[in-house]
Amino acid sequence: MKKNGLPYHNTSGFKVPEGYFQDFEARMMSRVTEDEKSFGDNPFKVPNDYFEHLGDRVFEKIETPKEGKVIPLFNRKIWSYVASVAAVVAILFSTVIFNDNSEVGFEDLNITAVENYLLESIDTDNPNETDFAPYEITASANPNIDKEALYEYLNENIEEPALLLNEN
């Protein structure tokens, strides 16, 4: 305090009259009793038979809550949309995964299926009258075919060798 230049005071600044706390309890009790006398008897009075009919009156005033619209969590319409989307995704997934985009070549042909097709489409009753022009393999179509190798292949794989020996 001396640094700031403020003088130091020994008094607190609060004063109480002399003898104030000597009779304080007696004065407080007399004041409380005076306040109680001014109220008289119990100021809160309940009418007769008030609590007997209280429950009935309360339930009359209570309104029954109106039931709101119930919205189910699992709607059938939503499930139908989900199922259709799942089906489309499954179809797309299966076509992409299981669809091989490899080209079909002569290696993939079934020899017995080709033989059966040719036997059914060619009239074998009279081979001399059958027109083989659409079935002929010309040298210009595949120049790498050796006639000897072709003859051996046909001998091994064709069941009716009589068709090969026809030299007319």
Protein backbone atom coordinates (compact mmCIF):
# COMPACT_ATOMS: atom_id res chain seq x y z
CA MET A 1 0.00 0.00 0.00
CA LYS A 2 2.82 2.35 0.77
CA LYS A 3 4.20 1.84 -2.72
CA ASN A 4 1.02 3.18 -4.25
CA GLY A 5 0.96 6.09 -1.83
CA LEU A 6 -2.33 5.06 -0.24
CA PRO A 7 -2.61 5.64 3.53
CA TYR A 8 -3.30 2.58 5.74
CA HIS A 9 -6.48 2.77 7.86
CA ASN A 10 -6.97 0.69 10.97
CA THR A 11 -10.78 0.90 10.85
CA SER A 12 -12.84 -1.35 8.61
CA GLY A 13 -15.51 1.20 7.79
CA PHE A 14 -18.42 -0.84 9.22
CA LYS A 15 -20.00 0.24 12.51
CA VAL A 16 -22.54 -1.55 14.70
CA PRO A 17 -24.44 0.22 17.48
CA GLU A 18 -23.37 -0.62 21.00
CA GLY A 19 -25.23 -3.56 22.63
CA TYR A 20 -26.71 -4.71 19.30
CA PHE A 21 -25.72 -8.35 19.65
CA GLN A 22 -26.48 -8.60 23.39
CA ASP A 23 -30.28 -8.89 23.04
CA PHE A 24 -30.32 -10.09 19.42
CA GLU A 25 -31.72 -13.58 20.11
CA ALA A 26 -34.54 -12.33 22.35
CA ARG A 27 -35.55 -9.67 19.86
CA MET A 28 -35.55 -12.18 16.97
CA MET A 29 -37.76 -14.66 18.86
CA SER A 30 -40.25 -11.97 19.82
CA ARG A 31 -40.51 -10.87 16.21
CA VAL A 32 -41.10 -14.46 14.99
CA THR A 33 -43.84 -15.05 17.55
CA GLU A 34 -45.54 -11.80 16.55
CA ASP A 35 -45.52 -12.92 12.88
CA GLU A 36 -47.03 -16.29 13.80
CA LYS A 37 -49.83 -14.61 15.77
CA SER A 38 -50.67 -12.41 12.83
CA PHE A 39 -51.32 -15.52 10.71
CA GLY A 40 -53.72 -16.93 13.25
CA ASP A 41 -54.76 -20.52 12.66
CA ASN A 42 -53.60 -22.51 9.62
CA PRO A 43 -54.31 -20.25 6.65
CA PHE A 44 -54.57 -23.24 4.28
CA LYS A 45 -57.95 -24.92 4.56
CA VAL A 46 -59.20 -27.80 2.45
CA PRO A 47 -62.94 -28.15 1.72
CA ASN A 48 -64.69 -31.17 3.20
CA ASP A 49 -64.59 -34.36 1.00
CA TYR A 50 -62.09 -32.70 -1.32
CA PHE A 51 -59.78 -35.70 -1.65
CA GLU A 52 -62.56 -38.26 -2.00
CA HIS A 53 -63.63 -37.02 -5.42
CA LEU A 54 -60.28 -35.62 -6.53
CA GLY A 55 -59.34 -38.65 -8.66
CA ASP A 56 -62.64 -38.58 -10.57
CA ARG A 57 -62.30 -34.87 -11.32
CA VAL A 58 -58.72 -35.27 -12.51
CA PHE A 59 -59.58 -38.13 -14.88
CA GLU A 60 -62.48 -36.10 -16.30
CA LYS A 61 -60.14 -33.28 -17.22
CA ILE A 62 -57.47 -35.51 -18.72
CA GLU A 63 -57.84 -35.80 -22.47
CA THR A 64 -57.05 -39.13 -24.06
CA PRO A 65 -54.05 -38.67 -26.33
CA LYS A 66 -54.83 -39.02 -30.00
CA GLU A 67 -52.93 -41.82 -31.64
CA GLY A 68 -50.61 -40.59 -34.32
CA LYS A 69 -50.04 -42.14 -37.67
CA VAL A 70 -47.90 -45.24 -37.32
CA ILE A 71 -45.27 -45.56 -39.99
CA PRO A 72 -43.68 -49.01 -40.15
CA LEU A 73 -39.91 -49.18 -40.35
CA PHE A 74 -39.93 -51.89 -42.99
CA ASN A 75 -42.30 -50.84 -45.74
CA ARG A 76 -43.18 -53.38 -48.44
CA LYS A 77 -42.75 -50.79 -51.15
CA ILE A 78 -39.22 -50.06 -50.00
CA TRP A 79 -38.42 -53.79 -49.80
CA SER A 80 -39.66 -54.26 -53.37
CA TYR A 81 -37.33 -51.49 -54.56
CA VAL A 82 -34.43 -52.98 -52.65
CA ALA A 83 -35.13 -56.46 -54.03
CA SER A 84 -35.32 -55.21 -57.62
CA VAL A 85 -32.07 -53.26 -57.28
CA ALA A 86 -30.39 -56.32 -55.76
CA ALA A 87 -31.62 -58.49 -58.64
CA VAL A 88 -30.31 -56.05 -61.25
CA VAL A 89 -26.96 -55.83 -59.50
CA ALA A 90 -26.75 -59.64 -59.27
CA ILE A 91 -27.54 -60.04 -62.98
CA LEU A 92 -25.01 -57.42 -63.99
CA PHE A 93 -22.40 -58.91 -61.69
CA SER A 94 -22.96 -62.43 -63.00
CA THR A 95 -22.82 -61.35 -66.65
CA VAL A 96 -19.60 -59.41 -66.15
CA ILE A 97 -17.85 -62.08 -64.09
CA PHE A 98 -18.98 -65.25 -65.83
CA ASN A 99 -19.09 -64.00 -69.44
CA ASP A 100 -15.90 -64.88 -71.25
CA ASN A 101 -15.37 -62.66 -74.25
CA SER A 102 -13.16 -65.18 -76.03
CA GLU A 103 -13.78 -65.60 -79.73
CA VAL A 104 -15.15 -68.88 -81.04
CA GLY A 105 -12.79 -70.72 -83.39
CA PHE A 106 -12.52 -74.07 -85.11
CA GLU A 107 -10.93 -75.53 -82.00
CA ASP A 108 -14.19 -74.99 -80.10
CA LEU A 109 -16.34 -76.92 -82.59
CA ASN A 110 -17.56 -80.32 -81.59
CA ILE A 111 -16.59 -82.75 -84.33
CA THR A 112 -19.57 -85.03 -83.81
CA ALA A 113 -21.95 -82.07 -84.03
CA VAL A 114 -20.44 -81.02 -87.36
CA GLU A 115 -20.64 -84.59 -88.68
CA ASN A 116 -24.27 -84.91 -87.61
CA TYR A 117 -25.12 -81.60 -89.29
CA LEU A 118 -23.49 -82.65 -92.53
CA LEU A 119 -25.12 -86.09 -92.47
CA GLU A 120 -28.55 -84.59 -91.89
CA SER A 121 -28.23 -81.86 -94.48
CA ILE A 122 -26.71 -84.02 -97.28
CA ASP A 123 -28.86 -86.54 -99.06
CA THR A 124 -26.88 -89.76 -98.69
CA ASP A 125 -29.18 -91.92 -100.80
CA ASN A 126 -27.43 -90.97 -104.01
CA PRO A 127 -24.15 -89.14 -103.36
CA ASN A 128 -23.62 -88.56 -107.11
CA GLU A 129 -26.65 -86.24 -107.32
CA THR A 130 -25.81 -84.21 -104.22
CA ASP A 131 -24.36 -80.76 -104.85
CA PHE A 132 -21.25 -80.46 -102.69
CA ALA A 133 -20.30 -76.99 -103.93
CA PRO A 134 -21.33 -75.16 -100.72
CA TYR A 135 -19.32 -77.67 -98.66
CA GLU A 136 -16.15 -77.71 -100.73
CA ILE A 137 -12.97 -76.47 -99.18
CA THR A 138 -10.97 -74.69 -101.81
CA ALA A 139 -7.28 -74.04 -101.71
CA SER A 140 -7.94 -70.30 -101.73
CA ALA A 141 -9.97 -70.55 -98.50
CA ASN A 142 -7.20 -72.29 -96.55
CA PRO A 143 -3.97 -72.83 -98.51
CA ASN A 144 -2.17 -74.64 -95.64
CA ILE A 145 -4.20 -77.87 -95.86
CA ASP A 146 -2.28 -80.94 -97.02
CA LYS A 147 -4.45 -83.37 -99.00
CA GLU A 148 -2.75 -86.43 -97.53
CA ALA A 149 -3.29 -85.19 -93.95
CA LEU A 150 -6.91 -84.38 -94.76
CA TYR A 151 -7.48 -87.86 -96.18
CA GLU A 152 -5.94 -89.48 -93.06
CA TYR A 153 -8.03 -87.30 -90.75
CA LEU A 154 -11.23 -88.18 -92.57
CA ASN A 155 -10.35 -91.89 -92.52
CA GLU A 156 -9.90 -91.80 -88.75
CA ASN A 157 -12.95 -89.69 -87.87
CA ILE A 158 -15.72 -90.49 -90.34
CA GLU A 159 -17.81 -93.52 -89.53
CA GLU A 160 -18.86 -94.26 -93.11
CA PRO A 161 -15.71 -94.68 -95.18
CA ALA A 162 -17.83 -95.55 -98.24
CA LEU A 163 -18.42 -91.84 -98.74
CA LEU A 164 -14.69 -91.27 -99.24
CA LEU A 165 -14.16 -94.07 -101.77
CA ASN A 166 -16.67 -92.70 -104.22
CA GLU A 167 -14.43 -91.69 -107.14
CA ASN A 168 -16.98 -90.93 -109.86
